[in-house]
Each structure stands twice: as structure tokens, then as C-alpha cells.
Amino acid sequence: MNNGHIRASLLSGGQRQNLLIEMLPDVSLYLLDEPFIGLDKGAISMLAENLGSVIAQGQTILMAMPEYE
């Protein structure tokens, strides 16, 4: 860890989700299954911003989201 690397297992849930978004291959369509489940509001906001960047680059995201009443 002295070289600036951090184990993914030490990251928070939101940080892990954002890391996964950063590691996505360059394809035209992403399928995400409930990407916001278990994240706090700050992590949801950060992930939504990153997903917005992916969309702005021309990729399409299809997300499965639970229905809340």
C-alpha cells in the first residue's frame, strides 16, 4: 500500500461500485443489476455522476431497479 494502491476489499460499497464503473470495457451497452442497492446517499450521488459521464460519452446503460412503494 505504500505505492498508492489500495485493496478493493478495503473500499466502501460506493467506492467499489465507482471502481467497477471505471473498469468497464468500452462497449455501446452496459447492463447493471441494481447498482445503487446498499449504498448511502453520498455514494449513490457519486455513482450517478459517474454513470452520467459514461452516458455522455455515448454509451447506453440499462439498469434493473427494484420497485419501491
Protein backbone atom coordinates (compact mmCIF):
# COMPACT_ATOMS: atom_id res chain seq x y z
CA MET A 1 0.00 0.00 0.00
CA ASN A 2 2.97 2.33 0.16
CA ASN A 3 2.91 2.72 -3.64
CA GLY A 4 -0.54 4.33 -3.69
CA HIS A 5 -2.50 1.13 -4.33
CA ILE A 6 -5.43 0.21 -2.12
CA ARG A 7 -7.01 -3.24 -1.97
CA ALA A 8 -10.55 -3.18 -3.33
CA SER A 9 -11.67 -5.15 -0.28
CA LEU A 10 -10.81 -2.11 1.87
CA LEU A 11 -13.04 0.25 -0.14
CA SER A 12 -16.58 1.22 0.81
CA GLY A 13 -19.50 -0.10 -1.22
CA GLY A 14 -19.80 3.15 -3.17
CA GLN A 15 -16.08 3.25 -3.87
CA ARG A 16 -16.22 -0.32 -5.15
CA GLN A 17 -19.13 0.49 -7.47
CA ASN A 18 -17.27 3.51 -8.84
CA LEU A 19 -14.15 1.40 -9.33
CA LEU A 20 -16.21 -1.10 -11.30
CA ILE A 21 -17.60 1.70 -13.49
CA GLU A 22 -14.05 2.91 -14.16
CA MET A 23 -13.00 -0.61 -15.15
CA LEU A 24 -15.85 -1.22 -17.61
CA PRO A 25 -14.74 -2.17 -21.10
CA ASP A 26 -15.53 0.24 -23.93
CA VAL A 27 -18.81 -1.14 -25.28
CA SER A 28 -22.00 0.51 -26.50
CA LEU A 29 -24.37 -1.07 -23.93
CA TYR A 30 -23.98 -1.80 -20.22
CA LEU A 31 -26.43 -3.93 -18.22
CA LEU A 32 -26.41 -3.10 -14.50
CA ASP A 33 -28.42 -5.03 -11.91
CA GLU A 34 -29.46 -2.78 -9.03
CA PRO A 35 -26.23 -0.74 -8.90
CA PHE A 36 -27.44 1.52 -6.06
CA ILE A 37 -28.55 -1.19 -3.61
CA GLY A 38 -26.78 -0.93 -0.26
CA LEU A 39 -25.14 2.43 -0.94
CA ASP A 40 -25.53 5.56 1.18
CA LYS A 41 -26.78 8.82 -0.35
CA GLY A 42 -23.29 10.17 -0.96
CA ALA A 43 -22.18 7.01 -2.74
CA ILE A 44 -25.38 6.98 -4.82
CA SER A 45 -24.73 10.56 -5.87
CA MET A 46 -21.12 9.82 -6.80
CA LEU A 47 -22.08 6.68 -8.74
CA ALA A 48 -24.89 8.50 -10.55
CA GLU A 49 -22.42 11.19 -11.60
CA ASN A 50 -20.01 8.57 -12.94
CA LEU A 51 -22.81 6.82 -14.80
CA GLY A 52 -23.79 10.19 -16.28
CA SER A 53 -20.26 10.55 -17.59
CA VAL A 54 -20.49 7.13 -19.23
CA ILE A 55 -23.77 8.15 -20.90
CA ALA A 56 -22.27 11.48 -22.00
CA GLN A 57 -19.54 9.52 -23.79
CA GLY A 58 -22.21 7.88 -25.94
CA GLN A 59 -22.68 4.56 -24.17
CA THR A 60 -26.09 3.21 -23.20
CA ILE A 61 -26.89 1.88 -19.72
CA LEU A 62 -29.81 -0.43 -18.97
CA MET A 63 -30.40 -0.75 -15.23
CA ALA A 64 -32.63 -3.15 -13.32
CA MET A 65 -34.04 -1.30 -10.32
CA PRO A 66 -36.32 -2.60 -7.55
CA GLU A 67 -39.80 -1.19 -7.32
CA TYR A 68 -40.38 0.79 -4.14
CA GLU A 69 -43.79 1.68 -2.80
